[in-house]
């Protein structure tokens, strides 16, 4: 399983357009579209669960398999 780590200045795709994270103020994430500098605010869970959301490579982090093994035991 992969985790999305939203950080300031990281890039992502949403609605087929490229965005940059400009602020993380839990639970909100503020992103800016690169083409026209439109600023959008999303709740984190709504952003990452959006079917058009594609995280940038810098956002992906694999969970250690040791943690996953512990959860499957229950």
N, C-alpha and C. Protein backbone atom coordinates (compact mmCIF):
# COMPACT_ATOMS: atom_id res chain seq x y z
N UNK A 1 0.84 -1.17 0.00
CA UNK A 1 0.00 0.00 0.00
C UNK A 1 0.88 1.24 0.00
N UNK A 2 0.46 2.27 -0.73
CA UNK A 2 1.23 3.49 -0.80
C UNK A 2 0.50 4.62 -0.08
N UNK A 3 1.27 5.49 0.52
CA UNK A 3 0.73 6.64 1.22
C UNK A 3 0.96 7.89 0.40
N UNK A 4 0.03 8.83 0.47
CA UNK A 4 0.22 10.11 -0.16
C UNK A 4 0.69 11.10 0.89
N UNK A 5 1.87 11.64 0.68
CA UNK A 5 2.43 12.63 1.59
C UNK A 5 2.37 13.98 0.91
N UNK A 6 1.37 14.75 1.25
CA UNK A 6 1.25 16.07 0.65
C UNK A 6 2.19 17.03 1.37
N UNK A 7 3.06 17.66 0.60
CA UNK A 7 4.01 18.62 1.13
C UNK A 7 3.91 19.88 0.29
N UNK A 8 4.26 21.00 0.89
CA UNK A 8 4.27 22.26 0.15
C UNK A 8 5.23 22.14 -1.03
N UNK A 9 4.81 22.65 -2.17
CA UNK A 9 5.55 22.64 -3.44
C UNK A 9 5.56 21.29 -4.14
N UNK A 10 4.85 20.28 -3.63
CA UNK A 10 4.78 19.03 -4.37
C UNK A 10 3.70 19.15 -5.44
N UNK A 11 3.87 18.38 -6.51
CA UNK A 11 2.97 18.46 -7.65
C UNK A 11 2.01 17.29 -7.66
N UNK A 12 0.84 17.51 -8.26
CA UNK A 12 -0.16 16.47 -8.40
C UNK A 12 -1.01 16.77 -9.62
N UNK A 13 -1.73 15.75 -10.07
CA UNK A 13 -2.69 15.93 -11.16
C UNK A 13 -4.09 15.77 -10.59
N UNK A 14 -4.98 16.67 -10.99
CA UNK A 14 -6.37 16.62 -10.57
C UNK A 14 -7.21 17.14 -11.72
N UNK A 15 -8.24 16.41 -12.07
CA UNK A 15 -9.08 16.75 -13.23
C UNK A 15 -8.26 16.85 -14.51
N UNK A 16 -7.17 16.12 -14.59
CA UNK A 16 -6.32 16.12 -15.77
C UNK A 16 -5.43 17.34 -15.87
N UNK A 17 -5.35 18.15 -14.84
CA UNK A 17 -4.53 19.36 -14.85
C UNK A 17 -3.46 19.27 -13.75
N UNK A 18 -2.36 19.96 -13.97
CA UNK A 18 -1.25 19.94 -13.02
C UNK A 18 -1.45 21.02 -11.96
N UNK A 19 -1.31 20.62 -10.69
CA UNK A 19 -1.45 21.53 -9.56
C UNK A 19 -0.21 21.43 -8.69
N UNK A 20 0.02 22.48 -7.90
CA UNK A 20 1.09 22.52 -6.91
C UNK A 20 0.48 22.81 -5.55
N UNK A 21 0.91 22.07 -4.53
CA UNK A 21 0.44 22.31 -3.17
C UNK A 21 1.10 23.59 -2.66
N UNK A 22 0.28 24.55 -2.25
CA UNK A 22 0.85 25.80 -1.75
C UNK A 22 0.71 25.94 -0.23
N UNK A 23 -0.22 25.16 0.37
CA UNK A 23 -0.38 25.23 1.81
C UNK A 23 -1.07 23.97 2.32
N UNK A 24 -0.64 23.50 3.48
CA UNK A 24 -1.30 22.39 4.16
C UNK A 24 -1.68 22.91 5.53
N UNK A 25 -2.98 23.08 5.73
CA UNK A 25 -3.52 23.58 6.99
C UNK A 25 -4.60 22.59 7.42
N UNK A 26 -4.21 21.51 8.12
CA UNK A 26 -5.13 20.41 8.41
C UNK A 26 -6.48 20.87 8.91
N UNK A 27 -7.55 20.31 8.40
CA UNK A 27 -7.64 19.22 7.42
C UNK A 27 -7.64 19.70 5.98
N UNK A 28 -7.35 20.98 5.73
CA UNK A 28 -7.42 21.54 4.38
C UNK A 28 -6.08 21.55 3.68
N UNK A 29 -6.16 21.40 2.35
CA UNK A 29 -5.00 21.49 1.49
C UNK A 29 -5.33 22.53 0.42
N UNK A 30 -4.45 23.48 0.23
CA UNK A 30 -4.67 24.52 -0.77
C UNK A 30 -3.72 24.24 -1.93
N UNK A 31 -4.29 24.14 -3.13
CA UNK A 31 -3.51 23.84 -4.32
C UNK A 31 -3.71 24.93 -5.36
N UNK A 32 -2.70 25.11 -6.23
CA UNK A 32 -2.75 26.13 -7.26
C UNK A 32 -2.54 25.47 -8.61
N UNK A 33 -3.45 25.76 -9.55
CA UNK A 33 -3.31 25.23 -10.90
C UNK A 33 -2.22 26.01 -11.62
N UNK A 34 -1.34 25.30 -12.29
CA UNK A 34 -0.19 25.94 -12.91
C UNK A 34 -0.54 26.72 -14.16
N UNK A 35 -1.56 26.30 -14.89
CA UNK A 35 -1.85 26.96 -16.16
C UNK A 35 -2.39 28.38 -15.98
N UNK A 36 -3.28 28.58 -15.01
CA UNK A 36 -3.89 29.91 -14.85
C UNK A 36 -3.83 30.42 -13.41
N UNK A 37 -3.08 29.73 -12.56
CA UNK A 37 -2.89 30.13 -11.15
C UNK A 37 -4.17 30.16 -10.33
N UNK A 38 -5.19 29.40 -10.73
CA UNK A 38 -6.41 29.31 -9.93
C UNK A 38 -6.10 28.53 -8.65
N UNK A 39 -6.60 29.04 -7.52
CA UNK A 39 -6.35 28.42 -6.23
C UNK A 39 -7.61 27.70 -5.76
N UNK A 40 -7.45 26.42 -5.34
CA UNK A 40 -8.55 25.61 -4.85
C UNK A 40 -8.22 25.10 -3.45
N UNK A 41 -9.25 24.95 -2.62
CA UNK A 41 -9.08 24.41 -1.28
C UNK A 41 -9.89 23.12 -1.16
N UNK A 42 -9.25 22.07 -0.68
CA UNK A 42 -9.88 20.77 -0.48
C UNK A 42 -9.59 20.27 0.92
N UNK A 43 -10.49 19.46 1.45
CA UNK A 43 -10.15 18.68 2.63
C UNK A 43 -9.27 17.53 2.13
N UNK A 44 -8.28 17.16 2.93
CA UNK A 44 -7.31 16.14 2.53
C UNK A 44 -8.00 14.86 2.05
N UNK A 45 -8.94 14.37 2.82
CA UNK A 45 -9.59 13.09 2.47
C UNK A 45 -10.37 13.19 1.17
N UNK A 46 -11.01 14.33 0.94
CA UNK A 46 -11.75 14.52 -0.31
C UNK A 46 -10.81 14.63 -1.50
N UNK A 47 -9.64 15.22 -1.29
CA UNK A 47 -8.67 15.35 -2.37
C UNK A 47 -8.11 14.00 -2.78
N UNK A 48 -7.61 13.22 -1.82
CA UNK A 48 -6.96 11.96 -2.19
C UNK A 48 -7.95 10.88 -2.60
N UNK A 49 -9.22 11.03 -2.24
CA UNK A 49 -10.21 10.04 -2.65
C UNK A 49 -10.89 10.42 -3.97
N UNK A 50 -10.58 11.58 -4.51
CA UNK A 50 -11.12 11.99 -5.80
C UNK A 50 -10.58 11.06 -6.87
N UNK A 51 -11.45 10.49 -7.72
CA UNK A 51 -10.98 9.53 -8.71
C UNK A 51 -10.01 10.12 -9.74
N UNK A 52 -9.98 11.43 -9.91
CA UNK A 52 -9.07 12.04 -10.87
C UNK A 52 -7.73 12.42 -10.24
N UNK A 53 -7.57 12.22 -8.93
CA UNK A 53 -6.33 12.57 -8.22
C UNK A 53 -5.22 11.60 -8.57
N UNK A 54 -4.09 12.14 -9.02
CA UNK A 54 -2.89 11.34 -9.28
C UNK A 54 -1.73 12.04 -8.58
N UNK A 55 -1.17 11.41 -7.55
CA UNK A 55 -0.08 12.07 -6.82
C UNK A 55 1.19 12.12 -7.66
N UNK A 56 2.01 13.14 -7.39
CA UNK A 56 3.32 13.22 -8.03
C UNK A 56 4.24 12.17 -7.43
N UNK A 57 5.33 11.89 -8.10
CA UNK A 57 6.26 10.86 -7.63
C UNK A 57 6.83 11.18 -6.25
N UNK A 58 7.00 12.46 -5.94
CA UNK A 58 7.57 12.83 -4.65
C UNK A 58 6.61 12.58 -3.49
N UNK A 59 5.33 12.36 -3.80
CA UNK A 59 4.32 12.15 -2.74
C UNK A 59 4.19 10.69 -2.33
N UNK A 60 4.64 9.78 -3.16
CA UNK A 60 4.42 8.37 -2.88
C UNK A 60 5.50 7.82 -1.96
N UNK A 61 5.05 7.08 -0.98
CA UNK A 61 5.96 6.42 -0.05
C UNK A 61 5.37 5.06 0.27
N UNK A 62 6.18 4.02 0.13
CA UNK A 62 5.70 2.69 0.44
C UNK A 62 5.72 2.44 1.94
N UNK A 63 4.70 1.76 2.41
CA UNK A 63 4.69 1.34 3.81
C UNK A 63 5.64 0.17 3.98
N UNK A 64 6.36 0.14 5.05
CA UNK A 64 7.22 -1.03 5.30
C UNK A 64 6.36 -2.30 5.39
N UNK A 65 6.83 -3.37 4.78
CA UNK A 65 6.05 -4.60 4.78
C UNK A 65 5.87 -5.16 6.19
N UNK A 66 6.77 -4.83 7.09
CA UNK A 66 6.66 -5.29 8.47
C UNK A 66 5.37 -4.78 9.10
N UNK A 67 5.02 -3.54 8.83
CA UNK A 67 3.78 -2.97 9.37
C UNK A 67 2.57 -3.68 8.78
N UNK A 68 2.58 -3.93 7.49
CA UNK A 68 1.46 -4.61 6.85
C UNK A 68 1.27 -6.01 7.39
N UNK A 69 2.35 -6.72 7.67
CA UNK A 69 2.26 -8.07 8.22
C UNK A 69 1.58 -8.05 9.59
N UNK A 70 1.90 -7.06 10.39
CA UNK A 70 1.28 -6.96 11.71
C UNK A 70 -0.21 -6.75 11.63
N UNK A 71 -0.67 -5.97 10.65
CA UNK A 71 -2.10 -5.72 10.53
C UNK A 71 -2.86 -6.92 9.99
N UNK A 72 -2.21 -7.75 9.18
CA UNK A 72 -2.91 -8.90 8.63
C UNK A 72 -3.08 -10.03 9.64
N UNK A 73 -2.39 -9.95 10.77
CA UNK A 73 -2.50 -10.99 11.77
C UNK A 73 -3.81 -10.88 12.55
N UNK A 74 -4.42 -9.72 12.56
CA UNK A 74 -5.64 -9.54 13.36
C UNK A 74 -6.87 -9.96 12.63
